[in-house]
N, C-alpha and C. Protein backbone atom coordinates (compact mmCIF):
# COMPACT_ATOMS: atom_id res chain seq x y z
N MET A 1 0.85 -1.18 0.00
CA MET A 1 0.00 0.00 0.00
C MET A 1 0.89 1.24 0.00
N LEU A 2 0.46 2.23 -0.69
CA LEU A 2 1.20 3.48 -0.82
C LEU A 2 1.47 4.10 0.55
N ARG A 3 2.70 4.53 0.77
CA ARG A 3 3.04 5.19 2.04
C ARG A 3 2.14 6.40 2.24
N ASP A 4 1.72 6.63 3.48
CA ASP A 4 0.79 7.71 3.79
C ASP A 4 1.28 9.07 3.31
N SER A 5 2.56 9.37 3.51
CA SER A 5 3.07 10.68 3.13
C SER A 5 2.98 10.90 1.62
N LEU A 6 3.33 9.88 0.85
CA LEU A 6 3.22 10.01 -0.61
C LEU A 6 1.76 10.11 -1.03
N LYS A 7 0.92 9.31 -0.39
CA LYS A 7 -0.49 9.33 -0.73
C LYS A 7 -1.08 10.71 -0.45
N ALA A 8 -0.77 11.25 0.71
CA ALA A 8 -1.27 12.57 1.06
C ALA A 8 -0.78 13.61 0.05
N GLU A 9 0.49 13.52 -0.31
CA GLU A 9 1.05 14.47 -1.28
C GLU A 9 0.35 14.32 -2.63
N ALA A 10 0.18 13.08 -3.06
CA ALA A 10 -0.45 12.85 -4.36
C ALA A 10 -1.89 13.32 -4.37
N LEU A 11 -2.61 13.07 -3.31
CA LEU A 11 -4.02 13.42 -3.29
C LEU A 11 -4.29 14.88 -3.00
N THR A 12 -3.42 15.55 -2.27
CA THR A 12 -3.69 16.95 -1.94
C THR A 12 -2.99 17.91 -2.87
N GLN A 13 -1.76 17.62 -3.23
CA GLN A 13 -1.00 18.58 -4.02
C GLN A 13 -1.17 18.38 -5.52
N TYR A 14 -1.33 17.15 -5.95
CA TYR A 14 -1.28 16.89 -7.38
C TYR A 14 -2.60 16.46 -8.01
N VAL A 15 -3.57 16.04 -7.27
CA VAL A 15 -4.78 15.50 -7.88
C VAL A 15 -5.60 16.56 -8.59
N MET A 16 -5.57 17.80 -8.12
CA MET A 16 -6.39 18.84 -8.71
C MET A 16 -5.50 19.89 -9.41
N PRO A 17 -4.85 19.51 -10.51
CA PRO A 17 -4.00 20.49 -11.18
C PRO A 17 -4.83 21.67 -11.67
N THR A 18 -4.29 22.87 -11.56
CA THR A 18 -5.03 24.06 -11.95
C THR A 18 -4.56 24.64 -13.27
N SER A 19 -3.58 24.02 -13.87
CA SER A 19 -3.08 24.50 -15.15
C SER A 19 -2.57 23.31 -15.95
N GLU A 20 -2.28 23.57 -17.21
CA GLU A 20 -1.72 22.51 -18.05
C GLU A 20 -0.36 22.07 -17.52
N ALA A 21 0.43 23.02 -17.04
CA ALA A 21 1.74 22.67 -16.47
C ALA A 21 1.55 21.81 -15.22
N GLY A 22 0.56 22.15 -14.40
CA GLY A 22 0.27 21.36 -13.21
C GLY A 22 -0.17 19.95 -13.56
N GLU A 23 -0.95 19.83 -14.62
CA GLU A 23 -1.40 18.51 -15.06
C GLU A 23 -0.22 17.68 -15.53
N LEU A 24 0.71 18.28 -16.27
CA LEU A 24 1.90 17.55 -16.72
C LEU A 24 2.77 17.14 -15.54
N GLU A 25 2.88 18.02 -14.55
CA GLU A 25 3.65 17.72 -13.35
C GLU A 25 3.00 16.54 -12.60
N TYR A 26 1.68 16.56 -12.52
CA TYR A 26 0.94 15.48 -11.86
C TYR A 26 1.20 14.14 -12.57
N ILE A 27 1.10 14.13 -13.88
CA ILE A 27 1.31 12.90 -14.66
C ILE A 27 2.73 12.39 -14.45
N ALA A 28 3.71 13.29 -14.49
CA ALA A 28 5.11 12.89 -14.29
C ALA A 28 5.31 12.33 -12.89
N PHE A 29 4.70 12.97 -11.89
CA PHE A 29 4.82 12.49 -10.52
C PHE A 29 4.23 11.09 -10.39
N ILE A 30 3.04 10.88 -10.90
CA ILE A 30 2.38 9.57 -10.80
C ILE A 30 3.19 8.50 -11.52
N LYS A 31 3.69 8.83 -12.71
CA LYS A 31 4.47 7.85 -13.48
C LYS A 31 5.80 7.52 -12.81
N SER A 32 6.28 8.40 -11.93
CA SER A 32 7.54 8.13 -11.25
C SER A 32 7.38 7.16 -10.08
N LEU A 33 6.15 6.91 -9.68
CA LEU A 33 5.88 6.01 -8.56
C LEU A 33 5.88 4.56 -9.00
N PRO A 34 6.11 3.63 -8.09
CA PRO A 34 5.99 2.21 -8.42
C PRO A 34 4.56 1.89 -8.90
N LYS A 35 4.45 0.89 -9.75
CA LYS A 35 3.16 0.53 -10.35
C LYS A 35 2.07 0.31 -9.29
N GLU A 36 2.40 -0.37 -8.20
CA GLU A 36 1.42 -0.64 -7.14
C GLU A 36 0.87 0.68 -6.56
N ASP A 37 1.75 1.66 -6.37
CA ASP A 37 1.33 2.94 -5.84
C ASP A 37 0.47 3.69 -6.85
N GLN A 38 0.81 3.58 -8.13
CA GLN A 38 -0.01 4.21 -9.17
C GLN A 38 -1.42 3.64 -9.13
N GLU A 39 -1.53 2.33 -8.95
CA GLU A 39 -2.84 1.68 -8.90
C GLU A 39 -3.62 2.13 -7.66
N ASP A 40 -2.93 2.31 -6.52
CA ASP A 40 -3.59 2.79 -5.31
C ASP A 40 -4.18 4.18 -5.52
N ILE A 41 -3.39 5.07 -6.14
CA ILE A 41 -3.86 6.43 -6.38
C ILE A 41 -5.04 6.42 -7.34
N GLU A 42 -4.96 5.61 -8.37
CA GLU A 42 -6.07 5.51 -9.33
C GLU A 42 -7.33 5.02 -8.64
N LYS A 43 -7.19 4.03 -7.77
CA LYS A 43 -8.33 3.48 -7.04
C LYS A 43 -8.96 4.56 -6.15
N LEU A 44 -8.12 5.31 -5.44
CA LEU A 44 -8.63 6.37 -4.57
C LEU A 44 -9.29 7.48 -5.37
N ALA A 45 -8.70 7.82 -6.50
CA ALA A 45 -9.22 8.93 -7.29
C ALA A 45 -10.52 8.59 -8.00
N THR A 46 -10.77 7.32 -8.26
CA THR A 46 -11.96 6.94 -9.02
C THR A 46 -13.07 6.34 -8.17
N SER A 47 -12.80 6.04 -6.92
CA SER A 47 -13.85 5.47 -6.08
C SER A 47 -14.71 6.60 -5.53
N PRO A 48 -16.03 6.37 -5.41
CA PRO A 48 -16.89 7.43 -4.89
C PRO A 48 -16.58 7.71 -3.42
N ASP A 49 -16.74 8.96 -3.04
CA ASP A 49 -16.50 9.35 -1.66
C ASP A 49 -17.61 8.82 -0.75
N PRO A 50 -17.25 8.32 0.42
CA PRO A 50 -18.28 7.84 1.35
C PRO A 50 -19.12 9.00 1.86
N GLN A 51 -20.35 8.69 2.26
CA GLN A 51 -21.26 9.70 2.77
C GLN A 51 -21.33 9.71 4.29
N SER A 52 -20.71 8.73 4.94
CA SER A 52 -20.74 8.65 6.40
C SER A 52 -19.50 7.91 6.90
N TYR A 53 -19.28 8.01 8.22
CA TYR A 53 -18.18 7.28 8.84
C TYR A 53 -18.35 5.78 8.61
N GLN A 54 -19.58 5.29 8.80
CA GLN A 54 -19.83 3.86 8.62
C GLN A 54 -19.50 3.41 7.20
N GLU A 55 -19.87 4.22 6.24
CA GLU A 55 -19.57 3.88 4.84
C GLU A 55 -18.06 3.90 4.59
N ALA A 56 -17.37 4.87 5.18
CA ALA A 56 -15.91 4.94 5.02
C ALA A 56 -15.24 3.71 5.62
N MET A 57 -15.74 3.26 6.77
CA MET A 57 -15.14 2.11 7.45
C MET A 57 -15.50 0.78 6.78
N ARG A 58 -16.49 0.77 5.93
CA ARG A 58 -16.84 -0.44 5.17
C ARG A 58 -16.17 -0.47 3.80
N SER A 59 -15.57 0.64 3.39
CA SER A 59 -15.00 0.72 2.03
C SER A 59 -13.68 -0.02 1.94
N GLU A 60 -13.27 -0.28 0.73
CA GLU A 60 -11.97 -0.94 0.52
C GLU A 60 -10.81 -0.01 0.87
N ASN A 61 -11.10 1.27 1.01
CA ASN A 61 -10.09 2.26 1.39
C ASN A 61 -10.14 2.59 2.87
N LYS A 62 -10.66 1.68 3.68
CA LYS A 62 -10.84 1.91 5.12
C LYS A 62 -9.57 2.42 5.78
N GLN A 63 -8.44 1.79 5.52
CA GLN A 63 -7.19 2.19 6.16
C GLN A 63 -6.81 3.63 5.80
N ASP A 64 -7.05 4.01 4.56
CA ASP A 64 -6.75 5.37 4.12
C ASP A 64 -7.65 6.38 4.83
N TRP A 65 -8.93 6.05 4.95
CA TRP A 65 -9.87 6.95 5.63
C TRP A 65 -9.51 7.06 7.11
N MET A 66 -9.13 5.96 7.73
CA MET A 66 -8.74 5.99 9.14
C MET A 66 -7.52 6.89 9.33
N ALA A 67 -6.54 6.75 8.45
CA ALA A 67 -5.33 7.58 8.53
C ALA A 67 -5.68 9.05 8.33
N ALA A 68 -6.58 9.35 7.40
CA ALA A 68 -6.99 10.73 7.16
C ALA A 68 -7.70 11.30 8.39
N CYS A 69 -8.56 10.49 9.02
CA CYS A 69 -9.26 10.93 10.24
C CYS A 69 -8.26 11.26 11.34
N GLU A 70 -7.32 10.37 11.56
CA GLU A 70 -6.32 10.58 12.60
C GLU A 70 -5.51 11.85 12.33
N LYS A 71 -5.12 12.04 11.09
CA LYS A 71 -4.34 13.22 10.73
C LYS A 71 -5.16 14.49 10.97
N GLU A 72 -6.41 14.49 10.59
CA GLU A 72 -7.27 15.65 10.76
C GLU A 72 -7.51 15.95 12.24
N LEU A 73 -7.80 14.91 13.03
CA LEU A 73 -8.02 15.10 14.46
C LEU A 73 -6.75 15.60 15.15
N ASP A 74 -5.60 15.07 14.76
CA ASP A 74 -4.33 15.54 15.33
C ASP A 74 -4.11 17.02 15.02
N ALA A 75 -4.41 17.43 13.79
CA ALA A 75 -4.23 18.83 13.40
C ALA A 75 -5.19 19.73 14.18
N MET A 76 -6.44 19.30 14.33
CA MET A 76 -7.41 20.11 15.08
C MET A 76 -7.00 20.23 16.55
N SER A 77 -6.45 19.16 17.10
CA SER A 77 -5.99 19.18 18.48
C SER A 77 -4.77 20.10 18.62
N GLU A 78 -3.84 19.99 17.69
CA GLU A 78 -2.63 20.82 17.72
C GLU A 78 -2.96 22.31 17.68
N PHE A 79 -3.94 22.67 16.86
CA PHE A 79 -4.31 24.08 16.70
C PHE A 79 -5.43 24.51 17.66
N LYS A 80 -5.76 23.61 18.59
CA LYS A 80 -6.78 23.89 19.59
C LYS A 80 -8.09 24.38 18.96
N THR A 81 -8.50 23.67 17.93
CA THR A 81 -9.73 24.00 17.21
C THR A 81 -10.96 23.72 18.07
N PHE A 82 -10.86 22.74 18.95
CA PHE A 82 -11.99 22.37 19.78
C PHE A 82 -11.49 21.83 21.11
N THR A 83 -12.41 21.65 22.02
CA THR A 83 -12.13 21.02 23.30
C THR A 83 -13.06 19.81 23.43
N ASP A 84 -12.48 18.65 23.67
CA ASP A 84 -13.30 17.46 23.91
C ASP A 84 -14.06 17.64 25.22
N VAL A 85 -15.34 17.32 25.21
CA VAL A 85 -16.16 17.44 26.41
C VAL A 85 -16.89 16.13 26.63
N ASP A 86 -16.78 15.62 27.83
CA ASP A 86 -17.56 14.44 28.21
C ASP A 86 -19.01 14.89 28.38
N ILE A 87 -19.92 14.26 27.69
CA ILE A 87 -21.32 14.68 27.72
C ILE A 87 -21.86 14.73 29.15
N GLY A 88 -21.32 13.93 30.06
CA GLY A 88 -21.74 13.94 31.46
C GLY A 88 -21.32 15.21 32.20
N GLU A 89 -20.35 15.94 31.65
CA GLU A 89 -19.86 17.16 32.29
C GLU A 89 -20.61 18.42 31.82
N VAL A 90 -21.49 18.27 30.84
CA VAL A 90 -22.22 19.41 30.30
C VAL A 90 -23.31 19.82 31.29
N LYS A 91 -23.29 21.10 31.65
CA LYS A 91 -24.27 21.64 32.60
C LYS A 91 -25.44 22.25 31.83
N PRO A 92 -26.60 22.30 32.44
CA PRO A 92 -27.73 22.98 31.79
C PRO A 92 -27.33 24.40 31.41
N GLY A 93 -27.62 24.80 30.21
CA GLY A 93 -27.28 26.13 29.73
C GLY A 93 -25.97 26.20 28.98
N ASP A 94 -25.11 25.17 29.13
CA ASP A 94 -23.87 25.14 28.36
C ASP A 94 -24.20 24.95 26.89
N LYS A 95 -23.42 25.58 26.03
CA LYS A 95 -23.63 25.42 24.59
C LYS A 95 -22.56 24.48 24.04
N VAL A 96 -23.00 23.38 23.50
CA VAL A 96 -22.09 22.39 22.92
C VAL A 96 -22.30 22.41 21.41
N ILE A 97 -21.22 22.54 20.69
CA ILE A 97 -21.28 22.58 19.23
C ILE A 97 -20.77 21.25 18.70
N GLY A 98 -21.55 20.60 17.89
CA GLY A 98 -21.15 19.34 17.27
C GLY A 98 -20.32 19.57 16.03
N SER A 99 -19.84 18.49 15.46
CA SER A 99 -19.08 18.57 14.21
C SER A 99 -19.25 17.27 13.45
N LYS A 100 -18.80 17.27 12.21
CA LYS A 100 -18.82 16.05 11.41
C LYS A 100 -17.73 16.14 10.35
N PHE A 101 -17.30 14.99 9.89
CA PHE A 101 -16.33 14.93 8.80
C PHE A 101 -17.05 15.02 7.47
N VAL A 102 -16.37 15.64 6.52
CA VAL A 102 -16.82 15.61 5.13
C VAL A 102 -15.82 14.73 4.42
N TRP A 103 -16.28 13.69 3.79
CA TRP A 103 -15.43 12.67 3.19
C TRP A 103 -15.17 13.00 1.72
N LYS A 104 -14.01 13.60 1.42
CA LYS A 104 -13.67 13.97 0.05
C LYS A 104 -12.26 13.52 -0.28
N THR A 105 -12.09 13.01 -1.48
CA THR A 105 -10.75 12.69 -1.98
C THR A 105 -10.28 13.80 -2.87
């Protein structure tokens, strides 16, 4: 399976080229990877995005979605985007804001 760092680079930096030069750079980058990794990227790029956590965890790309979730949660924690709250600690009148993942490749 494609190493996470390469996969992240391929999917975030190169999958959405904004110019003809970017598209050529993307093609060159993909062709420089081992065949197995090229197939992994193709599979990720062509499979439909899950609509829920349950769907992501049932997909053939489960490991990739799990890694993406962990990376996103780590980044949100690092930047103090939110504070985890035990539902039992919420007092009447406290405002709790929920969140959800958007599953996009």
